[in-house]
């Protein structure tokens, strides 16, 4: 969740910078006699910015959920792959053991026949 903390810090810093900028602008216009229409437009603009930020935060949260679902799906697939790999290794080992036993049996039979021929 470190990424979320970093993102939140960036959002906070950008919101502060925007608030300072627009706050300064509001003070300038207020000192010059901001009329009600400009003030209303200014408030609408800030509200729209807040809505856009909120929508982006929801979008990010949704994407993070998708990433988490994909990660869980990948983990399930990876676990299956590892299980199949382990099964394959066991099967190969069992086959090798059987082949080694057959080879040993043939060698023993060959040795026994060779000894019987010498006798």
PDB file of N, CA and C in Angstrom:
ATOM      1  N   UNK A   1       0.825  -1.201   0.000  1.00  0.00           N
ATOM      2  CA  UNK A   1       0.000   0.000   0.000  1.00  0.00           C
ATOM      3  C   UNK A   1       0.866   1.261   0.000  1.00  0.00           C
ATOM      4  N   UNK A   2       2.199   1.112  -0.106  1.00  0.00           N
ATOM      5  CA  UNK A   2       3.086   2.257  -0.148  1.00  0.00           C
ATOM      6  C   UNK A   2       2.739   3.169  -1.325  1.00  0.00           C
ATOM      7  N   UNK A   3       2.349   2.562  -2.437  1.00  0.00           N
ATOM      8  CA  UNK A   3       1.990   3.342  -3.606  1.00  0.00           C
ATOM      9  C   UNK A   3       0.807   4.251  -3.298  1.00  0.00           C
ATOM     10  N   UNK A   4      -0.177   3.766  -2.532  1.00  0.00           N
ATOM     11  CA  UNK A   4      -1.331   4.579  -2.183  1.00  0.00           C
ATOM     12  C   UNK A   4      -0.906   5.762  -1.321  1.00  0.00           C
ATOM     13  N   UNK A   5       0.031   5.535  -0.409  1.00  0.00           N
ATOM     14  CA  UNK A   5       0.501   6.615   0.454  1.00  0.00           C
ATOM     15  C   UNK A   5       1.217   7.663  -0.382  1.00  0.00           C
ATOM     16  N   UNK A   6       2.070   7.222  -1.298  1.00  0.00           N
ATOM     17  CA  UNK A   6       2.785   8.157  -2.167  1.00  0.00           C
ATOM     18  C   UNK A   6       1.815   8.963  -3.018  1.00  0.00           C
ATOM     19  N   UNK A   7       0.827   8.275  -3.557  1.00  0.00           N
ATOM     20  CA  UNK A   7      -0.179   8.948  -4.370  1.00  0.00           C
ATOM     21  C   UNK A   7      -0.959   9.957  -3.531  1.00  0.00           C
ATOM     22  N   UNK A   8      -1.298   9.573  -2.317  1.00  0.00           N
ATOM     23  CA  UNK A   8      -2.048  10.479  -1.444  1.00  0.00           C
ATOM     24  C   UNK A   8      -1.221  11.724  -1.125  1.00  0.00           C
ATOM     25  N   UNK A   9       0.070  11.538  -0.897  1.00  0.00           N
ATOM     26  CA  UNK A   9       0.942  12.691  -0.619  1.00  0.00           C
ATOM     27  C   UNK A   9       0.955  13.628  -1.816  1.00  0.00           C
ATOM     28  N   UNK A  10       1.090  13.062  -3.024  1.00  0.00           N
ATOM     29  CA  UNK A  10       1.074  13.903  -4.233  1.00  0.00           C
ATOM     30  C   UNK A  10      -0.251  14.629  -4.395  1.00  0.00           C
ATOM     31  N   UNK A  11      -1.342  13.935  -4.125  1.00  0.00           N
ATOM     32  CA  UNK A  11      -2.657  14.567  -4.214  1.00  0.00           C
ATOM     33  C   UNK A  11      -2.783  15.701  -3.208  1.00  0.00           C
ATOM     34  N   UNK A  12      -2.314  15.447  -1.984  1.00  0.00           N
ATOM     35  CA  UNK A  12      -2.383  16.480  -0.953  1.00  0.00           C
ATOM     36  C   UNK A  12      -1.552  17.701  -1.334  1.00  0.00           C
ATOM     37  N   UNK A  13      -0.344  17.462  -1.836  1.00  0.00           N
ATOM     38  CA  UNK A  13       0.521  18.582  -2.226  1.00  0.00           C
ATOM     39  C   UNK A  13      -0.070  19.366  -3.391  1.00  0.00           C
ATOM     40  N   UNK A  14      -0.612  18.648  -4.371  1.00  0.00           N
ATOM     41  CA  UNK A  14      -1.196  19.362  -5.514  1.00  0.00           C
ATOM     42  C   UNK A  14      -2.456  20.112  -5.103  1.00  0.00           C
ATOM     43  N   UNK A  15      -3.242  19.522  -4.189  1.00  0.00           N
ATOM     44  CA  UNK A  15      -4.444  20.210  -3.705  1.00  0.00           C
ATOM     45  C   UNK A  15      -4.050  21.472  -2.940  1.00  0.00           C
ATOM     46  N   UNK A  16      -2.996  21.361  -2.138  1.00  0.00           N
ATOM     47  CA  UNK A  16      -2.532  22.536  -1.376  1.00  0.00           C
ATOM     48  C   UNK A  16      -2.046  23.626  -2.331  1.00  0.00           C
ATOM     49  N   UNK A  17      -1.277  23.218  -3.344  1.00  0.00           N
ATOM     50  CA  UNK A  17      -0.782  24.203  -4.317  1.00  0.00           C
ATOM     51  C   UNK A  17      -1.947  24.865  -5.052  1.00  0.00           C
ATOM     52  N   UNK A  18      -2.929  24.067  -5.422  1.00  0.00           N
ATOM     53  CA  UNK A  18      -4.099  24.632  -6.110  1.00  0.00           C
ATOM     54  C   UNK A  18      -4.876  25.558  -5.184  1.00  0.00           C
ATOM     55  N   UNK A  19      -5.059  25.133  -3.943  1.00  0.00           N
ATOM     56  CA  UNK A  19      -5.786  25.963  -2.986  1.00  0.00           C
ATOM     57  C   UNK A  19      -5.066  27.287  -2.767  1.00  0.00           C
ATOM     58  N   UNK A  20      -3.723  27.215  -2.634  1.00  0.00           N
ATOM     59  CA  UNK A  20      -2.952  28.444  -2.430  1.00  0.00           C
ATOM     60  C   UNK A  20      -3.099  29.353  -3.645  1.00  0.00           C
ATOM     61  N   UNK A  21      -2.922  28.816  -4.821  1.00  0.00           N
ATOM     62  CA  UNK A  21      -3.026  29.597  -6.083  1.00  0.00           C
ATOM     63  C   UNK A  21      -4.395  30.238  -6.201  1.00  0.00           C
ATOM     64  N   UNK A  22      -5.452  29.391  -6.039  1.00  0.00           N
ATOM     65  CA  UNK A  22      -6.801  29.928  -6.212  1.00  0.00           C
ATOM     66  C   UNK A  22      -7.204  30.808  -5.031  1.00  0.00           C
ATOM     67  N   UNK A  23      -6.665  30.515  -3.869  1.00  0.00           N
ATOM     68  CA  UNK A  23      -6.933  31.376  -2.714  1.00  0.00           C
ATOM     69  C   UNK A  23      -6.341  32.762  -2.917  1.00  0.00           C
ATOM     70  N   UNK A  24      -5.113  32.792  -3.441  1.00  0.00           N
ATOM     71  CA  UNK A  24      -4.463  34.078  -3.738  1.00  0.00           C
ATOM     72  C   UNK A  24      -5.259  34.846  -4.799  1.00  0.00           C
ATOM     73  N   UNK A  25      -5.694  34.104  -5.819  1.00  0.00           N
ATOM     74  CA  UNK A  25      -6.475  34.740  -6.878  1.00  0.00           C
ATOM     75  C   UNK A  25      -7.787  35.303  -6.327  1.00  0.00           C
ATOM     76  N   UNK A  26      -8.419  34.541  -5.447  1.00  0.00           N
ATOM     77  CA  UNK A  26      -9.665  35.010  -4.843  1.00  0.00           C
ATOM     78  C   UNK A  26      -9.431  36.277  -4.033  1.00  0.00           C
ATOM     79  N   UNK A  27      -8.333  36.317  -3.277  1.00  0.00           N
ATOM     80  CA  UNK A  27      -8.039  37.516  -2.481  1.00  0.00           C
ATOM     81  C   UNK A  27      -7.811  38.734  -3.377  1.00  0.00           C
ATOM     82  N   UNK A  28      -7.101  38.502  -4.489  1.00  0.00           N
ATOM     83  CA  UNK A  28      -6.848  39.616  -5.423  1.00  0.00           C
ATOM     84  C   UNK A  28      -8.164  40.136  -5.985  1.00  0.00           C
ATOM     85  N   UNK A  29      -9.009  39.201  -6.453  1.00  0.00           N
ATOM     86  CA  UNK A  29     -10.288  39.629  -7.016  1.00  0.00           C
ATOM     87  C   UNK A  29     -11.195  40.245  -5.959  1.00  0.00           C
ATOM     88  N   UNK A  30     -11.152  39.725  -4.745  1.00  0.00           N
ATOM     89  CA  UNK A  30     -11.983  40.257  -3.677  1.00  0.00           C
ATOM     90  C   UNK A  30     -11.545  41.686  -3.334  1.00  0.00           C
ATOM     91  N   UNK A  31     -10.222  41.902  -3.293  1.00  0.00           N
ATOM     92  CA  UNK A  31      -9.731  43.244  -2.976  1.00  0.00           C
ATOM     93  C   UNK A  31     -10.074  44.229  -4.088  1.00  0.00           C
ATOM     94  N   UNK A  32     -10.244  43.721  -5.307  1.00  0.00           N
ATOM     95  CA  UNK A  32     -10.597  44.583  -6.432  1.00  0.00           C
ATOM     96  C   UNK A  32     -12.105  44.687  -6.611  1.00  0.00           C
ATOM     97  N   UNK A  33     -12.835  43.993  -5.759  1.00  0.00           N
ATOM     98  CA  UNK A  33     -14.287  44.068  -5.848  1.00  0.00           C
ATOM     99  C   UNK A  33     -14.866  42.955  -6.714  1.00  0.00           C
ATOM    100  N   UNK A  34     -14.758  41.732  -6.255  1.00  0.00           N
ATOM    101  CA  UNK A  34     -15.286  40.574  -6.975  1.00  0.00           C
ATOM    102  C   UNK A  34     -16.810  40.623  -6.963  1.00  0.00           C
ATOM    103  N   UNK A  35     -17.415  40.582  -8.133  1.00  0.00           N
ATOM    104  CA  UNK A  35     -18.875  40.616  -8.163  1.00  0.00           C
ATOM    105  C   UNK A  35     -19.413  39.203  -7.940  1.00  0.00           C
ATOM    106  N   UNK A  36     -20.702  39.116  -7.693  1.00  0.00           N
ATOM    107  CA  UNK A  36     -21.337  37.856  -7.323  1.00  0.00           C
ATOM    108  C   UNK A  36     -21.233  36.828  -8.450  1.00  0.00           C
ATOM    109  N   UNK A  37     -21.289  37.255  -9.702  1.00  0.00           N
ATOM    110  CA  UNK A  37     -21.191  36.333 -10.824  1.00  0.00           C
ATOM    111  C   UNK A  37     -19.812  35.688 -10.877  1.00  0.00           C
ATOM    112  N   UNK A  38     -18.763  36.491 -10.732  1.00  0.00           N
ATOM    113  CA  UNK A  38     -17.411  35.939 -10.706  1.00  0.00           C
ATOM    114  C   UNK A  38     -17.223  35.006  -9.514  1.00  0.00           C
ATOM    115  N   UNK A  39     -17.768  35.386  -8.379  1.00  0.00           N
ATOM    116  CA  UNK A  39     -17.650  34.542  -7.188  1.00  0.00           C
ATOM    117  C   UNK A  39     -18.388  33.217  -7.416  1.00  0.00           C
ATOM    118  N   UNK A  40     -19.553  33.275  -7.998  1.00  0.00           N
ATOM    119  CA  UNK A  40     -20.331  32.063  -8.288  1.00  0.00           C
ATOM    120  C   UNK A  40     -19.574  31.167  -9.280  1.00  0.00           C
ATOM    121  N   UNK A  41     -19.018  31.754 -10.328  1.00  0.00           N
ATOM    122  CA  UNK A  41     -18.225  30.993 -11.302  1.00  0.00           C
ATOM    123  C   UNK A  41     -17.004  30.356 -10.645  1.00  0.00           C
ATOM    124  N   UNK A  42     -16.386  31.135  -9.773  1.00  0.00           N
ATOM    125  CA  UNK A  42     -15.215  30.650  -9.050  1.00  0.00           C
ATOM    126  C   UNK A  42     -15.599  29.451  -8.176  1.00  0.00           C
ATOM    127  N   UNK A  43     -16.708  29.548  -7.476  1.00  0.00           N
ATOM    128  CA  UNK A  43     -17.170  28.433  -6.636  1.00  0.00           C
ATOM    129  C   UNK A  43     -17.500  27.207  -7.484  1.00  0.00           C
ATOM    130  N   UNK A  44     -18.158  27.419  -8.625  1.00  0.00           N
ATOM    131  CA  UNK A  44     -18.462  26.302  -9.525  1.00  0.00           C
ATOM    132  C   UNK A  44     -17.189  25.630 -10.034  1.00  0.00           C
ATOM    133  N   UNK A  45     -16.210  26.446 -10.360  1.00  0.00           N
ATOM    134  CA  UNK A  45     -14.937  25.915 -10.831  1.00  0.00           C
ATOM    135  C   UNK A  45     -14.288  25.043  -9.761  1.00  0.00           C
ATOM    136  N   UNK A  46     -14.252  25.537  -8.527  1.00  0.00           N
ATOM    137  CA  UNK A  46     -13.669  24.752  -7.429  1.00  0.00           C
ATOM    138  C   UNK A  46     -14.458  23.474  -7.176  1.00  0.00           C
ATOM    139  N   UNK A  47     -15.781  23.575  -7.239  1.00  0.00           N
ATOM    140  CA  UNK A  47     -16.612  22.372  -7.064  1.00  0.00           C
ATOM    141  C   UNK A  47     -16.341  21.346  -8.168  1.00  0.00           C
ATOM    142  N   UNK A  48     -16.189  21.840  -9.395  1.00  0.00           N
ATOM    143  CA  UNK A  48     -15.878  20.932 -10.505  1.00  0.00           C
ATOM    144  C   UNK A  48     -14.513  20.268 -10.327  1.00  0.00           C
ATOM    145  N   UNK A  49     -13.560  21.034  -9.821  1.00  0.00           N
ATOM    146  CA  UNK A  49     -12.249  20.452  -9.528  1.00  0.00           C
ATOM    147  C   UNK A  49     -12.369  19.362  -8.461  1.00  0.00           C
ATOM    148  N   UNK A  50     -13.131  19.650  -7.413  1.00  0.00           N
ATOM    149  CA  UNK A  50     -13.337  18.651  -6.358  1.00  0.00           C
ATOM    150  C   UNK A  50     -13.994  17.385  -6.908  1.00  0.00           C
ATOM    151  N   UNK A  51     -15.001  17.576  -7.779  1.00  0.00           N
ATOM    152  CA  UNK A  51     -15.665  16.413  -8.378  1.00  0.00           C
ATOM    153  C   UNK A  51     -14.696  15.604  -9.239  1.00  0.00           C
ATOM    154  N   UNK A  52     -13.878  16.322 -10.003  1.00  0.00           N
ATOM    155  CA  UNK A  52     -12.911  15.632 -10.870  1.00  0.00           C
ATOM    156  C   UNK A  52     -11.901  14.840 -10.041  1.00  0.00           C
ATOM    157  N   UNK A  53     -11.437  15.435  -8.960  1.00  0.00           N
ATOM    158  CA  UNK A  53     -10.503  14.741  -8.067  1.00  0.00           C
ATOM    159  C   UNK A  53     -11.174  13.518  -7.468  1.00  0.00           C
ATOM    160  N   UNK A  54     -12.406  13.686  -7.012  1.00  0.00           N
ATOM    161  CA  UNK A  54     -13.148  12.568  -6.419  1.00  0.00           C
ATOM    162  C   UNK A  54     -13.336  11.440  -7.442  1.00  0.00           C
ATOM    163  N   UNK A  55     -13.689  11.797  -8.672  1.00  0.00           N
ATOM    164  CA  UNK A  55     -13.876  10.793  -9.722  1.00  0.00           C
ATOM    165  C   UNK A  55     -12.570  10.063 -10.013  1.00  0.00           C
ATOM    166  N   UNK A  56     -11.471  10.806 -10.048  1.00  0.00           N
ATOM    167  CA  UNK A  56     -10.180  10.170 -10.311  1.00  0.00           C
ATOM    168  C   UNK A  56      -9.780   9.244  -9.164  1.00  0.00           C
ATOM    169  N   UNK A  57     -10.066   9.655  -7.942  1.00  0.00           N
ATOM    170  CA  UNK A  57      -9.760   8.790  -6.802  1.00  0.00           C
ATOM    171  C   UNK A  57     -10.596   7.508  -6.863  1.00  0.00           C
ATOM    172  N   UNK A  58     -11.859   7.631  -7.259  1.00  0.00           N
ATOM    173  CA  UNK A  58     -12.697   6.437  -7.419  1.00  0.00           C
ATOM    174  C   UNK A  58     -12.167   5.561  -8.552  1.00  0.00           C
ATOM    175  N   UNK A  59     -11.733   6.198  -9.630  1.00  0.00           N
ATOM    176  CA  UNK A  59     -11.160   5.470 -10.757  1.00  0.00           C
ATOM    177  C   UNK A  59      -9.911   4.703 -10.321  1.00  0.00           C
ATOM    178  N   UNK A  60      -9.069   5.345  -9.567  1.00  0.00           N
ATOM    179  CA  UNK A  60      -7.845   4.706  -9.063  1.00  0.00           C
ATOM    180  C   UNK A  60      -8.207   3.538  -8.147  1.00  0.00           C
ATOM    181  N   UNK A  61      -9.172   3.752  -7.263  1.00  0.00           N
ATOM    182  CA  UNK A  61      -9.600   2.679  -6.356  1.00  0.00           C
ATOM    183  C   UNK A  61     -10.130   1.490  -7.146  1.00  0.00           C
ATOM    184  N   UNK A  62     -10.897   1.762  -8.187  1.00  0.00           N
ATOM    185  CA  UNK A  62     -11.416   0.686  -9.036  1.00  0.00           C
ATOM    186  C   UNK A  62     -10.297  -0.062  -9.741  1.00  0.00           C
ATOM    187  N   UNK A  63      -9.325   0.672 -10.250  1.00  0.00           N
ATOM    188  CA  UNK A  63      -8.191   0.039 -10.933  1.00  0.00           C
ATOM    189  C   UNK A  63      -7.370  -0.793  -9.944  1.00  0.00           C
ATOM    190  N   UNK A  64      -7.208  -0.299  -8.726  1.00  0.00           N
ATOM    191  CA  UNK A  64      -6.471  -1.063  -7.715  1.00  0.00           C
ATOM    192  C   UNK A  64      -7.196  -2.367  -7.376  1.00  0.00           C
ATOM    193  N   UNK A  65      -8.533  -2.322  -7.350  1.00  0.00           N
ATOM    194  CA  UNK A  65      -9.299  -3.546  -7.115  1.00  0.00           C
ATOM    195  C   UNK A  65      -9.093  -4.526  -8.263  1.00  0.00           C
ATOM    196  N   UNK A  66      -9.107  -4.016  -9.503  1.00  0.00           N
ATOM    197  CA  UNK A  66      -8.875  -4.883 -10.658  1.00  0.00           C
ATOM    198  C   UNK A  66      -7.490  -5.515 -10.597  1.00  0.00           C
ATOM    199  N   UNK A  67      -6.513  -4.731 -10.198  1.00  0.00           N
ATOM    200  CA  UNK A  67      -5.150  -5.248 -10.067  1.00  0.00           C
ATOM    201  C   UNK A  67      -5.115  -6.351  -9.011  1.00  0.00           C
ATOM    202  N   UNK A  68      -5.804  -6.129  -7.901  1.00  0.00           N
ATOM    203  CA  UNK A  68      -5.831  -7.126  -6.828  1.00  0.00           C
ATOM    204  C   UNK A  68      -6.516  -8.411  -7.301  1.00  0.00           C
ATOM    205  N   UNK A  69      -7.627  -8.283  -8.033  1.00  0.00           N
ATOM    206  CA  UNK A  69      -8.300  -9.468  -8.572  1.00  0.00           C
ATOM    207  C   UNK A  69      -7.376 -10.207  -9.541  1.00  0.00           C
ATOM    208  N   UNK A  70      -6.702  -9.462 -10.405  1.00  0.00           N
ATOM    209  CA  UNK A  70      -5.786 -10.076 -11.373  1.00  0.00           C
ATOM    210  C   UNK A  70      -4.633 -10.766 -10.653  1.00  0.00           C
ATOM    211  N   UNK A  71      -4.139 -10.139  -9.594  1.00  0.00           N
ATOM    212  CA  UNK A  71      -3.047 -10.732  -8.812  1.00  0.00           C
ATOM    213  C   UNK A  71      -3.506 -12.053  -8.187  1.00  0.00           C
ATOM    214  N   UNK A  72      -4.716 -12.066  -7.644  1.00  0.00           N
ATOM    215  CA  UNK A  72      -5.232 -13.300  -7.039  1.00  0.00           C
ATOM    216  C   UNK A  72      -5.411 -14.381  -8.098  1.00  0.00           C
ATOM    217  N   UNK A  73      -5.935 -14.013  -9.262  1.00  0.00           N
ATOM    218  CA  UNK A  73      -6.085 -14.977 -10.355  1.00  0.00           C
ATOM    219  C   UNK A  73      -4.718 -15.528 -10.774  1.00  0.00           C
ATOM    220  N   UNK A  74      -3.740 -14.650 -10.891  1.00  0.00           N
ATOM    221  CA  UNK A  74      -2.392 -15.075 -11.259  1.00  0.00           C
ATOM    222  C   UNK A  74      -1.834 -16.024 -10.206  1.00  0.00           C
ATOM    223  N   UNK A  75      -2.053 -15.719  -8.930  1.00  0.00           N
ATOM    224  CA  UNK A  75      -1.547 -16.575  -7.873  1.00  0.00           C
ATOM    225  C   UNK A  75      -2.167 -17.970  -7.948  1.00  0.00           C
ATOM    226  N   UNK A  76      -3.461 -18.046  -8.239  1.00  0.00           N
ATOM    227  CA  UNK A  76      -4.123 -19.348  -8.387  1.00  0.00           C
ATOM    228  C   UNK A  76      -3.516 -20.101  -9.572  1.00  0.00           C
ATOM    229  N   UNK A  77      -3.342 -19.423 -10.697  1.00  0.00           N
ATOM    230  CA  UNK A  77      -2.751 -20.058 -11.881  1.00  0.00           C
ATOM    231  C   UNK A  77      -1.314 -20.503 -11.602  1.00  0.00           C
ATOM    232  N   UNK A  78      -0.574 -19.670 -10.930  1.00  0.00           N
ATOM    233  CA  UNK A  78       0.815 -19.995 -10.605  1.00  0.00           C
ATOM    234  C   UNK A  78       0.880 -21.192  -9.656  1.00  0.00           C
ATOM    235  N   UNK A  79      -0.026 -21.251  -8.706  1.00  0.00           N
ATOM    236  CA  UNK A  79      -0.071 -22.382  -7.783  1.00  0.00           C
ATOM    237  C   UNK A  79      -0.386 -23.676  -8.551  1.00  0.00           C
ATOM    238  N   UNK A  80      -1.326 -23.615  -9.491  1.00  0.00           N
ATOM    239  CA  UNK A  80      -1.633 -24.786 -10.315  1.00  0.00           C
ATOM    240  C   UNK A  80      -0.417 -25.198 -11.135  1.00  0.00           C
ATOM    241  N   UNK A  81       0.241 -24.223 -11.745  1.00  0.00           N
ATOM    242  CA  UNK A  81       1.424 -24.516 -12.562  1.00  0.00           C
ATOM    243  C   UNK A  81       2.495 -25.196 -11.731  1.00  0.00           C
ATOM    244  N   UNK A  82       2.730 -24.686 -10.527  1.00  0.00           N
ATOM    245  CA  UNK A  82       3.735 -25.286  -9.654  1.00  0.00           C
ATOM    246  C   UNK A  82       3.339 -26.697  -9.242  1.00  0.00           C
ATOM    247  N   UNK A  83       2.048 -26.912  -9.006  1.00  0.00           N
ATOM    248  CA  UNK A  83       1.562 -28.253  -8.661  1.00  0.00           C
ATOM    249  C   UNK A  83       1.783 -29.215  -9.825  1.00  0.00           C
ATOM    250  N   UNK A  84       1.454 -28.783 -11.037  1.00  0.00           N
ATOM    251  CA  UNK A  84       1.656 -29.633 -12.206  1.00  0.00           C
ATOM    252  C   UNK A  84       3.141 -29.907 -12.437  1.00  0.00           C
ATOM    253  N   UNK A  85       3.970 -28.908 -12.200  1.00  0.00           N
ATOM    254  CA  UNK A  85       5.414 -29.086 -12.340  1.00  0.00           C
ATOM    255  C   UNK A  85       5.913 -30.129 -11.347  1.00  0.00           C
ATOM    256  N   UNK A  86       5.434 -30.046 -10.118  1.00  0.00           N
ATOM    257  CA  UNK A  86       5.823 -31.004  -9.087  1.00  0.00           C
ATOM    258  C   UNK A  86       5.363 -32.412  -9.461  1.00  0.00           C
ATOM    259  N   UNK A  87       4.129 -32.543  -9.958  1.00  0.00           N
ATOM    260  CA  UNK A  87       3.629 -33.837 -10.403  1.00  0.00           C
ATOM    261  C   UNK A  87       4.489 -34.403 -11.532  1.00  0.00           C
ATOM    262  N   UNK A  88       4.854 -33.548 -12.471  1.00  0.00           N
ATOM    263  CA  UNK A  88       5.696 -33.966 -13.587  1.00  0.00           C
ATOM    264  C   UNK A  88       7.051 -34.456 -13.083  1.00  0.00           C
ATOM    265  N   UNK A  89       7.641 -33.727 -12.138  1.00  0.00           N
ATOM    266  CA  UNK A  89       8.928 -34.132 -11.568  1.00  0.00           C
ATOM    267  C   UNK A  89       8.815 -35.488 -10.874  1.00  0.00           C
ATOM    268  N   UNK A  90       7.750 -35.678 -10.121  1.00  0.00           N
ATOM    269  CA  UNK A  90       7.550 -36.961  -9.439  1.00  0.00           C
ATOM    270  C   UNK A  90       7.383 -38.089 -10.443  1.00  0.00           C
ATOM    271  N   UNK A  91       6.616 -37.842 -11.504  1.00  0.00           N
ATOM    272  CA  UNK A  91       6.392 -38.864 -12.524  1.00  0.00           C
ATOM    273  C   UNK A  91       7.704 -39.218 -13.224  1.00  0.00           C
ATOM    274  N   UNK A  92       8.490 -38.210 -13.539  1.00  0.00           N
ATOM    275  CA  UNK A  92       9.789 -38.459 -14.186  1.00  0.00           C
ATOM    276  C   UNK A  92      10.711 -39.252 -13.257  1.00  0.00           C
ATOM    277  N   UNK A  93      10.694 -38.895 -11.977  1.00  0.00           N
ATOM    278  CA  UNK A  93      11.529 -39.614 -11.014  1.00  0.00           C
ATOM    279  C   UNK A  93      11.081 -41.079 -10.900  1.00  0.00           C
ATOM    280  N   UNK A  94       9.776 -41.299 -10.836  1.00  0.00           N
ATOM    281  CA  UNK A  94       9.250 -42.669 -10.748  1.00  0.00           C
ATOM    282  C   UNK A  94       9.622 -43.456 -12.005  1.00  0.00           C
ATOM    283  N   UNK A  95       9.533 -42.836 -13.155  1.00  0.00           N
ATOM    284  CA  UNK A  95       9.905 -43.491 -14.405  1.00  0.00           C
ATOM    285  C   UNK A  95      11.395 -43.843 -14.402  1.00  0.00           C
ATOM    286  N   UNK A  96      12.219 -42.905 -13.933  1.00  0.00           N
ATOM    287  CA  UNK A  96      13.668 -43.141 -13.878  1.00  0.00           C
ATOM    288  C   UNK A  96      13.978 -44.285 -12.917  1.00  0.00           C
ATOM    289  N   UNK A  97      13.314 -44.331 -11.784  1.00  0.00           N
ATOM    290  CA  UNK A  97      13.540 -45.411 -10.816  1.00  0.00           C
ATOM    291  C   UNK A  97      13.167 -46.757 -11.440  1.00  0.00           C
ATOM    292  N   UNK A  98      12.010 -46.816 -12.121  1.00  0.00           N
ATOM    293  CA  UNK A  98      11.597 -48.058 -12.787  1.00  0.00           C
ATOM    294  C   UNK A  98      12.603 -48.449 -13.865  1.00  0.00           C
ATOM    295  N   UNK A  99      13.043 -47.487 -14.667  1.00  0.00           N
ATOM    296  CA  UNK A  99      14.013 -47.770 -15.734  1.00  0.00           C
ATOM    297  C   UNK A  99      15.331 -48.259 -15.129  1.00  0.00           C
ATOM    298  N   UNK A 100      15.774 -47.640 -14.029  1.00  0.00           N
ATOM    299  CA  UNK A 100      17.010 -48.064 -13.363  1.00  0.00           C
ATOM    300  C   UNK A 100      16.879 -49.496 -12.834  1.00  0.00           C
ATOM    301  N   UNK A 101      15.719 -49.835 -12.275  1.00  0.00           N
ATOM    302  CA  UNK A 101      15.488 -51.193 -11.760  1.00  0.00           C
ATOM    303  C   UNK A 101      15.515 -52.211 -12.892  1.00  0.00           C
ATOM    304  N   UNK A 102      14.886 -51.869 -14.029  1.00  0.00           N
ATOM    305  CA  UNK A 102      14.884 -52.764 -15.187  1.00  0.00           C
ATOM    306  C   UNK A 102      16.306 -52.962 -15.698  1.00  0.00           C
ATOM    307  N   UNK A 103      17.045 -51.850 -15.785  1.00  0.00           N
ATOM    308  CA  UNK A 103      18.434 -51.937 -16.251  1.00  0.00           C
ATOM    309  C   UNK A 103      19.273 -52.788 -15.296  1.00  0.00           C
ATOM    310  N   UNK A 104      19.073 -52.577 -13.992  1.00  0.00           N
ATOM    311  CA  UNK A 104      19.807 -53.364 -13.002  1.00  0.00           C
ATOM    312  C   UNK A 104      19.455 -54.848 -13.130  1.00  0.00           C
ATOM    313  N   UNK A 105      18.189 -55.159 -13.320  1.00  0.00           N
ATOM    314  CA  UNK A 105      17.741 -56.541 -13.470  1.00  0.00           C
ATOM    315  C   UNK A 105      18.373 -57.170 -14.714  1.00  0.00           C
ATOM    316  N   UNK A 106      18.408 -56.440 -15.817  1.00  0.00           N
ATOM    317  CA  UNK A 106      19.024 -56.945 -17.044  1.00  0.00           C
ATOM    318  C   UNK A 106      20.523 -57.173 -16.850  1.00  0.00           C
ATOM    319  N   UNK A 107      21.173 -56.249 -16.172  1.00  0.00           N
ATOM    320  CA  UNK A 107      22.608 -56.398 -15.890  1.00  0.00           C
ATOM    321  C   UNK A 107      22.857 -57.620 -15.023  1.00  0.00           C
ATOM    322  N   UNK A 108      22.000 -57.815 -14.016  1.00  0.00           N
ATOM    323  CA  UNK A 108      22.147 -58.979 -13.142  1.00  0.00           C
ATOM    324  C   UNK A 108      21.960 -60.269 -13.935  1.00  0.00           C
ATOM    325  N   UNK A 109      20.932 -60.286 -14.805  1.00  0.00           N
ATOM    326  CA  UNK A 109      20.696 -61.475 -15.629  1.00  0.00           C
ATOM    327  C   UNK A 109      21.872 -61.736 -16.567  1.00  0.00           C
ATOM    328  N   UNK A 110      22.410 -60.675 -17.151  1.00  0.00           N
ATOM    329  CA  UNK A 110      23.552 -60.807 -18.048  1.00  0.00           C
ATOM    330  C   UNK A 110      24.756 -61.365 -17.294  1.00  0.00           C
ATOM    331  N   UNK A 111      24.976 -60.850 -16.083  1.00  0.00           N
ATOM    332  CA  UNK A 111      26.095 -61.332 -15.258  1.00  0.00           C
ATOM    333  C   UNK A 111      25.899 -62.787 -14.889  1.00  0.00           C
ATOM    334  N   UNK A 112      24.695 -63.172 -14.520  1.00  0.00           N
ATOM    335  CA  UNK A 112      24.412 -64.560 -14.157  1.00  0.00           C
ATOM    336  C   UNK A 112      24.640 -65.487 -15.349  1.00  0.00           C
ATOM    337  N   UNK A 113      24.191 -65.093 -16.529  1.00  0.00           N
ATOM    338  CA  UNK A 113      24.378 -65.916 -17.722  1.00  0.00           C
ATOM    339  C   UNK A 113      25.868 -66.030 -18.083  1.00  0.00           C
ATOM    340  N   UNK A 114      26.555 -64.898 -17.924  1.00  0.00           N
ATOM    341  CA  UNK A 114      27.986 -64.912 -18.232  1.00  0.00           C
ATOM    342  C   UNK A 114      28.709 -65.863 -17.275  1.00  0.00           C
ATOM    343  N   UNK A 115      28.316 -65.920 -16.013  1.00  0.00           N
ATOM    344  CA  UNK A 115      28.946 -66.799 -15.043  1.00  0.00           C
ATOM    345  C   UNK A 115      28.590 -68.248 -15.356  1.00  0.00           C
ATOM    346  N   UNK A 116      27.360 -68.491 -15.780  1.00  0.00           N
ATOM    347  CA  UNK A 116      26.938 -69.862 -16.085  1.00  0.00           C
ATOM    348  C   UNK A 116      27.682 -70.396 -17.310  1.00  0.00           C
ATOM    349  N   UNK A 117      27.961 -69.520 -18.262  1.00  0.00           N
ATOM    350  CA  UNK A 117      28.689 -69.912 -19.469  1.00  0.00           C
ATOM    351  C   UNK A 117      30.119 -70.279 -19.088  1.00  0.00           C
ATOM    352  N   UNK A 118      30.722 -69.567 -18.144  1.00  0.00           N
ATOM    353  CA  UNK A 118      32.101 -69.831 -17.716  1.00  0.00           C
ATOM    354  C   UNK A 118      32.171 -71.180 -17.013  1.00  0.00           C
ATOM    355  N   UNK A 119      31.106 -71.568 -16.352  1.00  0.00           N
ATOM    356  CA  UNK A 119      31.137 -72.801 -15.594  1.00  0.00           C
ATOM    357  C   UNK A 119      30.973 -73.938 -16.504  1.00  0.00           C
TER     358      UNK A 119
END
